[in-house]
Amino acid sequence: MDVIFSAEARSEVRDAARFYEDEVEGLGRAFLQKLREGVAEVKRNPFTSRIIRGDYRRHLLSRFPYGIIFRIHEGVIFVAAVMHLKRKSGYWEEL
């Protein structure tokens, strides 16, 4: 399955990676690696992620407090958000 990130999700990824890298050298790269692993898991087993609203699902990243918010449409995984878990839930629905 192909994976497409929304512009907002790409922006969230950049911001998070920059934040972590500014905190500790190498931590931003570690975040991106965990995100790649999470996306790979979603591609392998997309229907095992918990449904959170409508047809949107959430896959939790290991080590970092983030979730990949996605839906599957016509064989494509659309990532709507890469959400910090402490952020107001559902904010991504307005994007």
C-alpha atoms as a PDB file:
ATOM      1  CA  MET A   1       0.000   0.000   0.000  1.00  0.00           C
ATOM      2  CA  ASP A   2       1.134   3.518  -0.734  1.00  0.00           C
ATOM      3  CA  VAL A   3       1.316   6.048   2.105  1.00  0.00           C
ATOM      4  CA  ILE A   4       0.467   9.711   1.596  1.00  0.00           C
ATOM      5  CA  PHE A   5       1.068  12.323   4.299  1.00  0.00           C
ATOM      6  CA  SER A   6      -1.089  15.440   4.430  1.00  0.00           C
ATOM      7  CA  ALA A   7       0.785  18.749   4.351  1.00  0.00           C
ATOM      8  CA  GLU A   8      -0.171  19.244   8.000  1.00  0.00           C
ATOM      9  CA  ALA A   9       1.228  15.836   8.982  1.00  0.00           C
ATOM     10  CA  ARG A  10       4.512  16.585   7.169  1.00  0.00           C
ATOM     11  CA  SER A  11       4.711  19.888   9.046  1.00  0.00           C
ATOM     12  CA  GLU A  12       4.088  18.137  12.376  1.00  0.00           C
ATOM     13  CA  VAL A  13       6.875  15.657  11.615  1.00  0.00           C
ATOM     14  CA  ARG A  14       9.348  18.436  10.763  1.00  0.00           C
ATOM     15  CA  ASP A  15       8.441  20.415  13.883  1.00  0.00           C
ATOM     16  CA  ALA A  16       8.739  17.401  16.181  1.00  0.00           C
ATOM     17  CA  ALA A  17      12.044  16.269  14.679  1.00  0.00           C
ATOM     18  CA  ARG A  18      13.467  19.806  15.018  1.00  0.00           C
ATOM     19  CA  PHE A  19      12.259  20.073  18.617  1.00  0.00           C
ATOM     20  CA  TYR A  20      13.820  16.756  19.621  1.00  0.00           C
ATOM     21  CA  GLU A  21      17.067  17.496  17.775  1.00  0.00           C
ATOM     22  CA  ASP A  22      17.316  20.882  19.533  1.00  0.00           C
ATOM     23  CA  GLU A  23      16.846  19.138  22.883  1.00  0.00           C
ATOM     24  CA  VAL A  24      19.433  16.397  22.367  1.00  0.00           C
ATOM     25  CA  GLU A  25      21.627  15.813  19.347  1.00  0.00           C
ATOM     26  CA  GLY A  26      20.464  12.677  17.551  1.00  0.00           C
ATOM     27  CA  LEU A  27      17.048  12.585  19.206  1.00  0.00           C
ATOM     28  CA  GLY A  28      15.346  14.108  16.162  1.00  0.00           C
ATOM     29  CA  ARG A  29      16.840  11.369  13.992  1.00  0.00           C
ATOM     30  CA  ALA A  30      15.662   8.775  16.521  1.00  0.00           C
ATOM     31  CA  PHE A  31      12.140  10.214  16.316  1.00  0.00           C
ATOM     32  CA  LEU A  32      12.189   9.977  12.512  1.00  0.00           C
ATOM     33  CA  GLN A  33      13.403   6.366  12.734  1.00  0.00           C
ATOM     34  CA  LYS A  34      10.547   5.440  15.086  1.00  0.00           C
ATOM     35  CA  LEU A  35       8.129   7.162  12.722  1.00  0.00           C
ATOM     36  CA  ARG A  36       9.497   5.124   9.780  1.00  0.00           C
ATOM     37  CA  GLU A  37       9.081   1.958  11.847  1.00  0.00           C
ATOM     38  CA  GLY A  38       5.528   2.970  12.743  1.00  0.00           C
ATOM     39  CA  VAL A  39       4.627   3.635   9.112  1.00  0.00           C
ATOM     40  CA  ALA A  40       6.120   0.273   8.118  1.00  0.00           C
ATOM     41  CA  GLU A  41       3.979  -1.445  10.771  1.00  0.00           C
ATOM     42  CA  VAL A  42       0.865   0.381   9.543  1.00  0.00           C
ATOM     43  CA  LYS A  43       1.649  -0.768   5.995  1.00  0.00           C
ATOM     44  CA  ARG A  44       2.077  -4.393   7.164  1.00  0.00           C
ATOM     45  CA  ASN A  45      -1.014  -4.487   9.397  1.00  0.00           C
ATOM     46  CA  PRO A  46      -3.206  -1.428   8.811  1.00  0.00           C
ATOM     47  CA  PHE A  47      -6.375  -2.910  10.261  1.00  0.00           C
ATOM     48  CA  THR A  48      -4.858  -3.769  13.642  1.00  0.00           C
ATOM     49  CA  SER A  49      -4.611  -0.103  14.641  1.00  0.00           C
ATOM     50  CA  ARG A  50      -7.378   1.157  16.893  1.00  0.00           C
ATOM     51  CA  ILE A  51     -10.288   3.025  15.284  1.00  0.00           C
ATOM     52  CA  ILE A  52     -10.555   6.427  16.931  1.00  0.00           C
ATOM     53  CA  ARG A  53     -13.218   8.255  14.925  1.00  0.00           C
ATOM     54  CA  GLY A  54     -15.150   7.321  11.810  1.00  0.00           C
ATOM     55  CA  ASP A  55     -12.741   5.466   9.561  1.00  0.00           C
ATOM     56  CA  TYR A  56      -9.627   7.019  11.132  1.00  0.00           C
ATOM     57  CA  ARG A  57      -7.212   4.827  13.067  1.00  0.00           C
ATOM     58  CA  ARG A  58      -4.299   5.551  15.382  1.00  0.00           C
ATOM     59  CA  HIS A  59      -0.986   3.753  15.565  1.00  0.00           C
ATOM     60  CA  LEU A  60       1.159   4.626  18.581  1.00  0.00           C
ATOM     61  CA  LEU A  61       4.885   5.161  18.155  1.00  0.00           C
ATOM     62  CA  SER A  62       7.241   3.449  20.543  1.00  0.00           C
ATOM     63  CA  ARG A  63       9.498   5.641  22.715  1.00  0.00           C
ATOM     64  CA  PHE A  64       7.830   8.933  21.701  1.00  0.00           C
ATOM     65  CA  PRO A  65       4.387  10.247  22.750  1.00  0.00           C
ATOM     66  CA  TYR A  66       3.032  10.412  19.201  1.00  0.00           C
ATOM     67  CA  GLY A  67       0.401   8.636  17.191  1.00  0.00           C
ATOM     68  CA  ILE A  68      -0.005   8.255  13.452  1.00  0.00           C
ATOM     69  CA  ILE A  69      -3.590   9.188  12.578  1.00  0.00           C
ATOM     70  CA  PHE A  70      -4.593   7.601   9.284  1.00  0.00           C
ATOM     71  CA  ARG A  71      -7.357   6.168   7.173  1.00  0.00           C
ATOM     72  CA  ILE A  72      -7.360   3.744   4.291  1.00  0.00           C
ATOM     73  CA  HIS A  73      -9.085   4.746   1.083  1.00  0.00           C
ATOM     74  CA  GLU A  74      -8.951   2.794  -2.159  1.00  0.00           C
ATOM     75  CA  GLY A  75      -5.804   0.946  -1.151  1.00  0.00           C
ATOM     76  CA  VAL A  76      -3.925   4.065  -0.022  1.00  0.00           C
ATOM     77  CA  ILE A  77      -2.983   4.917   3.554  1.00  0.00           C
ATOM     78  CA  PHE A  78      -3.650   8.629   4.088  1.00  0.00           C
ATOM     79  CA  VAL A  79      -1.863  10.071   7.145  1.00  0.00           C
ATOM     80  CA  ALA A  80      -3.903  13.011   8.381  1.00  0.00           C
ATOM     81  CA  ALA A  81      -1.722  13.797  11.401  1.00  0.00           C
ATOM     82  CA  VAL A  82       1.313  12.762  13.400  1.00  0.00           C
ATOM     83  CA  MET A  83      -0.161  13.820  16.693  1.00  0.00           C
ATOM     84  CA  HIS A  84       1.476  14.480  20.047  1.00  0.00           C
ATOM     85  CA  LEU A  85      -0.646  12.496  22.479  1.00  0.00           C
ATOM     86  CA  LYS A  86      -0.914  15.385  24.959  1.00  0.00           C
ATOM     87  CA  ARG A  87      -2.387  17.701  22.321  1.00  0.00           C
ATOM     88  CA  LYS A  88      -6.124  18.327  22.274  1.00  0.00           C
ATOM     89  CA  SER A  89      -7.637  15.178  20.805  1.00  0.00           C
ATOM     90  CA  GLY A  90      -9.513  15.590  17.564  1.00  0.00           C
ATOM     91  CA  TYR A  91      -7.686  18.790  16.568  1.00  0.00           C
ATOM     92  CA  TRP A  92      -6.633  17.088  13.349  1.00  0.00           C
ATOM     93  CA  GLU A  93     -10.258  16.772  12.202  1.00  0.00           C
ATOM     94  CA  GLU A  94     -10.301  20.517  11.581  1.00  0.00           C
ATOM     95  CA  LEU A  95      -7.220  20.419   9.331  1.00  0.00           C
END
